[in-house]
Structures are given as C-alpha cells and as structure tokens.
C-alpha cells in the first residue's frame, strides 16, 4: 500500500473511532442536567466554554496569520523586528486579566448559589457511605433504605452526607455536584429535581477493593408516586405463613446470623449491613451492581465475595435448599 494511502486509511479509522466515541448513550453525563443545581453548573460551563473558543480562535488566527504573512521566501529580506512595543505589551497583559474577570465573576456567583442552604420545607435526606454501599435516611419520614434514593419532582432536597468508615464521594451527575462523604464530618448539597426519571450515580472517591461497585440510583417521581412509596416504606412486612418457603427462609435468616447485620422491621435489628425491610421492592442489590432478580439473589447469597471483591458480607456456606428459601423470604419483603 502506498504511504499516502496508508495515512488516509489511518486517518479514516481514527475519524470513525472518534465519531463512535461521541455516540452515547451517556446516562451519567453532566451535560444533560435535571435539577436547578445541574442547570447552574451547565450554564457556567457553557459560558466558560465559549470564552475558551473565542480565545482559541483569536490566538490561532494570529498564529496562522504570522506563519503565513512572515514565512520565509527566497530573495526577500527578513521581516522588520519590533522590540519594546508598549501598547502591545499593555494589551496582551490587560486582555487575559479582563477575560479572567469575566470568568471569575459568574464562577464565584455560582459557587455561592450552589453552596447555599436549602429553603424551608425541603425534604431532608441523610446519606451515609459504607464499604461499599449507600445508606439513605429520611429523618422526617422515619424511613431507612439503601442504594436507591426516591425524591419527589419539583421539591427542594437538603442532602446531608457523611461516612462510617473511609472517605467516599456521592455523585449523581445529572442532578448535581459531587460531595465527599467524610467520617465524623458532614457535607451538604441542596437541589430541586425538575424531571421525572431514574438517574444513576456512583462513588467517585477511591475507597477500596470494590470502589467501582459502589453505585446508586435516584428515582425522581411525581408527588403521588413518591407518597405511595413513602406509605409502602412505612409499613412492616407481615410474618410469613406457617409452613411456607418464606417462613423456612426467615428461619434460615436467623440461623445463619443475618439478623446480626441487617434490619428487617419487626424481626431483626442489625445495623452493619443494608436495611432489608423492603428489599423486595428494590430494583438492584449488592450496592447497585446487580438487578434484583431471583438468580442474582441466589448467586449473591451463595458467595458474596466472589460477586463483589472485598465484600464485608462473608460466604456463609449456606446449603442450596437454604439459599432457595432465603431468596423466597427476601423477595417477600415488600
């Protein structure tokens, strides 16, 4: 293949790769905000981006002009040299300073706006980072859940974030900026979601072996759907029927010591692992890494460290019949 054709082929392959990279979908893109916080950050980014484009065009334009205008030509004298041009030096000193002012003012304004306290009547949510899952507490509603946050659309939310072990960082890109979860400290975030939907996020501060498996989902719902979820979360699951598979699973839950780590309202009071009172209603398990299906529950109970490296939940070496019963019991917790 001729050298020139090889260059064209390489360029075409590179172009196709770049176009494919721009395809999507991008569920965790900050460029598609769905909250007031997200829109403020996006507006700031867009403004700075166009300032950068303008600077690039001016600088590159002057560079190209200089290269073409003063390029070497056979038989022509060298261009006249200029030194100590006062007006030019003042111009290229003031211009960047003015550009920085135009960038700094909206940046500082946005920082203060997005760091402010939530308005009165905001829904309070406490976010607690664990290795490797998220705990959510609604102190005004008396609800505790894990990994899946439910919020009403259009209502301000005041999020209080901390950690019980190492530093984590809570981030749902389309809803707002990330905030570190630091042991013995509290960071805050306030925003108002404006669009119904499910938005994914994750921990973005390296926190150990399963850092990449510490994910989360935020469900923004209409007020009626959210209130129905609150009502469901406020109930206590009924005890399984006598002689049922679910009752056998409940007995196995106690026999294998699961009650020492997990809470199930009206039955177990463990606080080490996620609250399982309504785990049957969740869409995911294991820190948001697997869909909440019968097979995934079976695989998870059979050997948690194999499914999630470094898992704090040990392999209890449960027998296959007990695992089947435990899955039935957990799926009944709705």
Protein backbone atom coordinates (compact mmCIF):
# COMPACT_ATOMS: atom_id res chain seq x y z
CA UNK A 1 0.00 0.00 0.00
CA UNK A 2 1.43 3.44 -0.96
CA UNK A 3 2.48 5.58 2.04
CA UNK A 4 -0.06 8.29 1.28
CA UNK A 5 -2.91 5.78 1.12
CA UNK A 6 -1.79 4.30 4.45
CA UNK A 7 -2.05 7.78 6.00
CA UNK A 8 -5.54 8.25 4.60
CA UNK A 9 -6.61 4.83 5.91
CA UNK A 10 -5.26 5.59 9.38
CA UNK A 11 -6.95 8.99 9.39
CA UNK A 12 -10.28 7.45 8.33
CA UNK A 13 -10.04 4.80 11.05
CA UNK A 14 -9.22 7.45 13.66
CA UNK A 15 -12.16 9.59 12.50
CA UNK A 16 -14.56 6.66 12.73
CA UNK A 17 -13.28 5.89 16.24
CA UNK A 18 -13.80 9.47 17.37
CA UNK A 19 -17.32 9.53 15.91
CA UNK A 20 -18.16 6.25 17.66
CA UNK A 21 -16.91 7.68 20.95
CA UNK A 22 -19.36 10.55 20.57
CA UNK A 23 -22.30 8.22 20.06
CA UNK A 24 -23.71 7.53 23.51
CA UNK A 25 -25.92 6.96 25.37
CA UNK A 26 -24.35 8.74 28.33
CA UNK A 27 -26.61 8.16 31.37
CA UNK A 28 -24.16 9.90 33.72
CA UNK A 29 -23.44 12.98 31.63
CA UNK A 30 -23.44 16.31 33.44
CA UNK A 31 -24.35 17.92 30.11
CA UNK A 32 -27.99 16.83 30.47
CA UNK A 33 -28.96 18.34 33.85
CA UNK A 34 -32.32 17.69 35.51
CA UNK A 35 -32.13 19.99 38.55
CA UNK A 36 -31.61 23.65 39.32
CA UNK A 37 -28.12 22.84 40.63
CA UNK A 38 -27.28 20.98 37.43
CA UNK A 39 -28.57 23.80 35.22
CA UNK A 40 -26.48 26.37 37.12
CA UNK A 41 -23.32 24.32 36.62
CA UNK A 42 -24.16 23.68 32.97
CA UNK A 43 -24.73 27.39 32.33
CA UNK A 44 -21.37 28.22 33.91
CA UNK A 45 -19.60 25.55 31.88
CA UNK A 46 -21.21 26.72 28.63
CA UNK A 47 -20.23 30.35 29.28
CA UNK A 48 -16.60 29.46 30.02
CA UNK A 49 -16.51 27.12 27.02
CA UNK A 50 -17.45 29.88 24.60
CA UNK A 51 -14.88 32.23 26.17
CA UNK A 52 -12.29 29.49 25.56
CA UNK A 53 -13.48 29.12 21.95
CA UNK A 54 -13.13 32.87 21.39
CA UNK A 55 -9.61 32.93 22.85
CA UNK A 56 -8.64 29.89 20.77
CA UNK A 57 -9.89 31.49 17.54
CA UNK A 58 -8.07 34.79 18.21
CA UNK A 59 -4.78 33.18 19.25
CA UNK A 60 -4.76 30.57 16.50
CA UNK A 61 -5.84 33.18 13.96
CA UNK A 62 -2.92 35.46 14.88
CA UNK A 63 -0.57 32.47 14.84
CA UNK A 64 -1.67 31.37 11.37
CA UNK A 65 -1.51 34.96 10.10
CA UNK A 66 2.04 35.31 11.41
CA UNK A 67 3.13 31.96 9.96
CA UNK A 68 1.73 32.78 6.52
CA UNK A 69 2.48 36.51 6.42
CA UNK A 70 6.06 36.27 7.62
CA UNK A 71 7.08 32.89 6.24
CA UNK A 72 10.45 32.63 4.57
CA UNK A 73 10.57 33.49 0.86
CA UNK A 74 13.62 33.17 -1.34
CA UNK A 75 15.11 36.55 -2.24
CA UNK A 76 13.15 38.58 0.30
CA UNK A 77 14.65 40.31 3.35
CA UNK A 78 13.81 39.20 6.88
CA UNK A 79 10.75 40.91 8.42
CA UNK A 80 11.38 44.01 10.46
CA UNK A 81 11.83 43.21 14.14
CA UNK A 82 9.90 45.08 16.86
CA UNK A 83 11.04 45.28 20.47
CA UNK A 84 9.56 47.02 23.46
CA UNK A 85 6.16 47.80 21.95
CA UNK A 86 4.48 49.38 24.99
CA UNK A 87 0.92 49.46 23.66
CA UNK A 88 1.10 45.82 22.56
CA UNK A 89 2.50 44.70 25.91
CA UNK A 90 -0.27 46.54 27.79
CA UNK A 91 -2.87 44.96 25.50
CA UNK A 92 -1.75 41.38 25.98
CA UNK A 93 -1.50 41.93 29.73
CA UNK A 94 -4.93 43.51 30.15
CA UNK A 95 -6.80 41.18 27.78
CA UNK A 96 -6.19 37.97 29.80
CA UNK A 97 -6.92 39.86 33.04
CA UNK A 98 -10.28 41.02 31.70
CA UNK A 99 -11.11 37.54 30.45
CA UNK A 100 -10.34 36.11 33.91
CA UNK A 101 -12.67 38.69 35.46
CA UNK A 102 -15.47 37.69 33.08
CA UNK A 103 -14.88 34.06 34.09
CA UNK A 104 -14.33 34.64 37.82
CA UNK A 105 -17.48 36.67 38.50
CA UNK A 106 -20.03 34.06 37.30
CA UNK A 107 -17.90 31.27 38.80
CA UNK A 108 -17.92 32.82 42.28
CA UNK A 109 -21.61 33.66 41.95
CA UNK A 110 -22.41 30.04 41.04
CA UNK A 111 -20.26 28.69 43.89
CA UNK A 112 -22.20 30.72 46.44
CA UNK A 113 -25.53 29.92 44.81
CA UNK A 114 -24.98 26.15 44.78
CA UNK A 115 -23.40 26.08 48.26
CA UNK A 116 -26.37 27.76 49.92
CA UNK A 117 -28.77 26.22 52.38
CA UNK A 118 -31.93 24.53 51.14
CA UNK A 119 -35.13 26.58 51.50
CA UNK A 120 -37.66 25.94 54.24
CA UNK A 121 -39.79 22.86 53.65
CA UNK A 122 -37.05 20.98 51.81
CA UNK A 123 -37.07 17.19 52.03
CA UNK A 124 -34.23 16.15 54.32
CA UNK A 125 -32.15 13.11 53.37
CA UNK A 126 -29.13 11.75 55.23
CA UNK A 127 -26.63 9.92 53.01
CA UNK A 128 -24.18 7.62 54.77
CA UNK A 129 -21.33 5.94 52.90
CA UNK A 130 -20.28 2.39 53.74
CA UNK A 131 -17.82 0.00 52.13
CA UNK A 132 -19.40 -0.47 49.56
CA UNK A 133 -23.00 0.70 49.62
CA UNK A 134 -25.07 3.80 50.40
CA UNK A 135 -27.48 4.18 53.29
CA UNK A 136 -30.35 6.68 52.98
CA UNK A 137 -32.28 8.02 55.94
CA UNK A 138 -35.33 10.29 55.77
CA UNK A 139 -35.39 11.69 59.34
CA UNK A 140 -38.72 13.48 58.91
CA UNK A 141 -40.39 10.39 57.44
CA UNK A 142 -38.85 7.68 59.61
CA UNK A 143 -37.60 5.75 56.57
CA UNK A 144 -34.27 3.95 56.14
CA UNK A 145 -33.27 2.32 52.85
CA UNK A 146 -30.16 1.58 50.80
CA UNK A 147 -28.63 2.38 47.40
CA UNK A 148 -31.88 3.65 45.84
CA UNK A 149 -32.96 7.20 46.62
CA UNK A 150 -36.55 8.31 45.97
CA UNK A 151 -37.37 12.01 45.57
CA UNK A 152 -40.48 13.99 44.57
CA UNK A 153 -40.13 16.10 41.44
CA UNK A 154 -40.11 19.87 41.95
CA UNK A 155 -39.48 19.78 45.70
CA UNK A 156 -36.20 21.12 47.17
CA UNK A 157 -33.99 18.45 48.72
CA UNK A 158 -31.44 19.01 51.51
CA UNK A 159 -28.84 16.23 51.48
CA UNK A 160 -26.54 15.69 54.47
CA UNK A 161 -23.60 13.41 53.62
CA UNK A 162 -21.15 11.53 55.86
CA UNK A 163 -19.34 8.18 56.12
CA UNK A 164 -18.86 5.49 58.77
CA UNK A 165 -15.52 4.11 57.54
CA UNK A 166 -13.36 5.76 54.84
CA UNK A 167 -13.79 8.76 52.54
CA UNK A 168 -16.36 8.23 49.80
CA UNK A 169 -17.88 10.72 47.36
CA UNK A 170 -21.59 10.77 46.49
CA UNK A 171 -22.47 11.83 42.95
CA UNK A 172 -25.49 11.67 40.70
CA UNK A 173 -24.13 13.65 37.71
CA UNK A 174 -27.43 14.76 36.18
CA UNK A 175 -28.78 16.05 39.50
CA UNK A 176 -25.87 17.96 40.99
CA UNK A 177 -22.28 18.25 42.04
CA UNK A 178 -20.44 15.53 43.89
CA UNK A 179 -19.85 15.83 47.62
CA UNK A 180 -17.29 13.96 49.71
CA UNK A 181 -18.55 11.64 52.45
CA UNK A 182 -16.01 12.02 55.27
CA UNK A 183 -16.05 10.17 58.61
CA UNK A 184 -17.08 12.40 61.53
CA UNK A 185 -17.84 15.31 59.18
CA UNK A 186 -20.96 16.41 57.29
CA UNK A 187 -21.08 17.92 53.82
CA UNK A 188 -24.27 19.29 52.33
CA UNK A 189 -25.94 19.55 48.96
CA UNK A 190 -29.23 21.24 48.03
CA UNK A 191 -31.09 20.92 44.74
CA UNK A 192 -34.58 20.66 43.24
CA UNK A 193 -35.09 17.90 40.64
CA UNK A 194 -37.21 19.07 37.70
CA UNK A 195 -37.72 15.91 35.63
CA UNK A 196 -39.25 12.52 36.46
CA UNK A 197 -36.93 9.60 35.78
CA UNK A 198 -34.25 7.27 37.06
CA UNK A 199 -30.74 8.71 37.31
CA UNK A 200 -27.63 6.67 38.02
CA UNK A 201 -24.58 7.64 40.03
CA UNK A 202 -21.70 6.18 41.97
CA UNK A 203 -18.92 6.75 44.44
CA UNK A 204 -16.19 8.88 42.86
CA UNK A 205 -13.56 8.76 45.60
CA UNK A 206 -11.39 5.63 45.65
CA UNK A 207 -12.41 3.74 48.77
CA UNK A 208 -11.08 0.20 48.45
CA UNK A 209 -11.38 -3.03 46.52
CA UNK A 210 -14.99 -2.56 45.40
CA UNK A 211 -14.95 1.17 44.83
CA UNK A 212 -16.17 0.62 41.27
CA UNK A 213 -19.04 -1.49 42.64
CA UNK A 214 -20.42 1.24 44.91
CA UNK A 215 -23.22 2.52 42.73
CA UNK A 216 -26.55 4.21 43.30
CA UNK A 217 -29.86 5.05 41.68
CA UNK A 218 -32.04 8.09 42.22
CA UNK A 219 -35.72 7.86 41.31
CA UNK A 220 -37.41 11.23 40.78
CA UNK A 221 -41.16 10.68 40.91
CA UNK A 222 -44.41 12.58 40.80
CA UNK A 223 -45.71 13.58 44.21
CA UNK A 224 -48.41 10.89 44.18
CA UNK A 225 -45.94 8.13 43.29
CA UNK A 226 -43.49 9.36 45.91
CA UNK A 227 -46.19 9.47 48.60
CA UNK A 228 -47.22 5.92 47.68
CA UNK A 229 -43.58 4.84 48.05
CA UNK A 230 -43.38 6.56 51.46
CA UNK A 231 -46.56 4.81 52.58
CA UNK A 232 -45.18 1.44 51.50
CA UNK A 233 -41.83 2.04 53.21
CA UNK A 234 -43.62 2.98 56.44
CA UNK A 235 -45.26 -0.42 56.80
CA UNK A 236 -43.89 -3.55 58.46
CA UNK A 237 -43.81 -6.67 56.25
CA UNK A 238 -46.15 -9.35 57.60
CA UNK A 239 -44.72 -12.54 59.04
CA UNK A 240 -44.58 -15.42 56.53
CA UNK A 241 -47.32 -18.02 56.55
CA UNK A 242 -46.72 -21.09 58.65
CA UNK A 243 -45.06 -23.90 56.74
CA UNK A 244 -44.29 -21.70 53.72
CA UNK A 245 -40.98 -21.43 51.88
CA UNK A 246 -40.76 -17.84 53.10
CA UNK A 247 -41.00 -18.99 56.73
CA UNK A 248 -38.23 -21.51 56.12
CA UNK A 249 -36.16 -18.67 54.67
CA UNK A 250 -36.87 -16.48 57.69
CA UNK A 251 -35.65 -19.25 59.98
CA UNK A 252 -32.50 -19.60 57.86
CA UNK A 253 -32.04 -15.81 58.03
CA UNK A 254 -31.89 -16.15 61.80
CA UNK A 255 -29.90 -19.38 61.89
CA UNK A 256 -27.08 -18.06 59.66
CA UNK A 257 -26.75 -14.92 61.79
CA UNK A 258 -28.10 -12.48 59.17
CA UNK A 259 -30.09 -10.78 61.95
CA UNK A 260 -26.81 -9.59 63.46
CA UNK A 261 -26.04 -7.40 60.43
CA UNK A 262 -29.36 -6.49 58.80
CA UNK A 263 -32.55 -4.81 59.93
CA UNK A 264 -35.94 -6.23 59.00
CA UNK A 265 -38.68 -4.26 60.76
CA UNK A 266 -40.44 -6.36 63.36
CA UNK A 267 -37.87 -9.17 63.20
CA UNK A 268 -34.17 -8.19 63.05
CA UNK A 269 -32.27 -5.13 64.30
CA UNK A 270 -28.75 -5.46 62.85
CA UNK A 271 -27.13 -2.21 61.67
CA UNK A 272 -23.90 -3.38 59.99
CA UNK A 273 -25.33 -4.07 56.54
CA UNK A 274 -28.15 -2.53 54.48
CA UNK A 275 -31.67 -2.32 55.90
CA UNK A 276 -33.63 -5.15 54.21
CA UNK A 277 -37.12 -4.30 55.43
CA UNK A 278 -38.40 -3.67 51.90
CA UNK A 279 -35.58 -5.18 49.83
CA UNK A 280 -38.11 -7.00 47.64
CA UNK A 281 -39.20 -3.64 46.18
CA UNK A 282 -35.71 -2.53 45.17
CA UNK A 283 -34.53 -2.81 41.59
CA UNK A 284 -30.92 -3.68 42.47
CA UNK A 285 -28.86 -5.47 45.12
CA UNK A 286 -25.20 -5.55 46.21
CA UNK A 287 -24.60 -1.82 46.16
CA UNK A 288 -26.47 -1.32 42.89
CA UNK A 289 -24.25 -3.72 40.94
CA UNK A 290 -26.86 -6.40 40.09
CA UNK A 291 -30.52 -6.36 39.19
CA UNK A 292 -32.77 -7.68 41.95
CA UNK A 293 -33.69 -10.99 40.35
CA UNK A 294 -34.08 -14.48 41.80
CA UNK A 295 -30.90 -15.68 40.11
CA UNK A 296 -28.81 -12.72 41.22
CA UNK A 297 -30.07 -13.04 44.79
CA UNK A 298 -29.18 -16.73 44.71
CA UNK A 299 -25.65 -16.02 43.40
CA UNK A 300 -25.13 -13.21 45.90
CA UNK A 301 -26.16 -15.25 48.96
CA UNK A 302 -24.13 -18.24 47.77
CA UNK A 303 -20.81 -16.36 47.67
CA UNK A 304 -20.83 -12.54 48.15
CA UNK A 305 -17.02 -12.02 47.91
CA UNK A 306 -17.00 -13.80 44.53
CA UNK A 307 -19.66 -11.40 43.22
CA UNK A 308 -18.17 -8.28 44.81
CA UNK A 309 -14.44 -8.25 45.70
CA UNK A 310 -13.78 -7.33 49.32
CA UNK A 311 -17.42 -7.69 50.30
CA UNK A 312 -17.98 -7.25 54.02
CA UNK A 313 -20.69 -9.92 53.76
CA UNK A 314 -18.91 -13.29 54.14
CA UNK A 315 -19.67 -16.56 52.44
CA UNK A 316 -21.93 -18.29 54.98
CA UNK A 317 -21.70 -21.61 53.06
CA UNK A 318 -25.47 -21.93 53.09
CA UNK A 319 -26.90 -25.14 51.67
CA UNK A 320 -28.72 -24.94 48.28
CA UNK A 321 -32.16 -25.55 49.89
CA UNK A 322 -31.49 -22.81 52.44
CA UNK A 323 -30.39 -20.40 49.72
CA UNK A 324 -33.60 -21.05 47.80
CA UNK A 325 -35.62 -20.40 50.97
CA UNK A 326 -33.66 -17.24 51.77
CA UNK A 327 -34.29 -15.89 48.27
CA UNK A 328 -38.03 -16.52 48.67
CA UNK A 329 -38.03 -14.75 52.03
CA UNK A 330 -36.10 -11.71 50.80
CA UNK A 331 -38.33 -11.37 47.72
CA UNK A 332 -41.37 -11.36 50.02
CA UNK A 333 -40.10 -8.30 51.92
CA UNK A 334 -42.13 -5.64 50.14
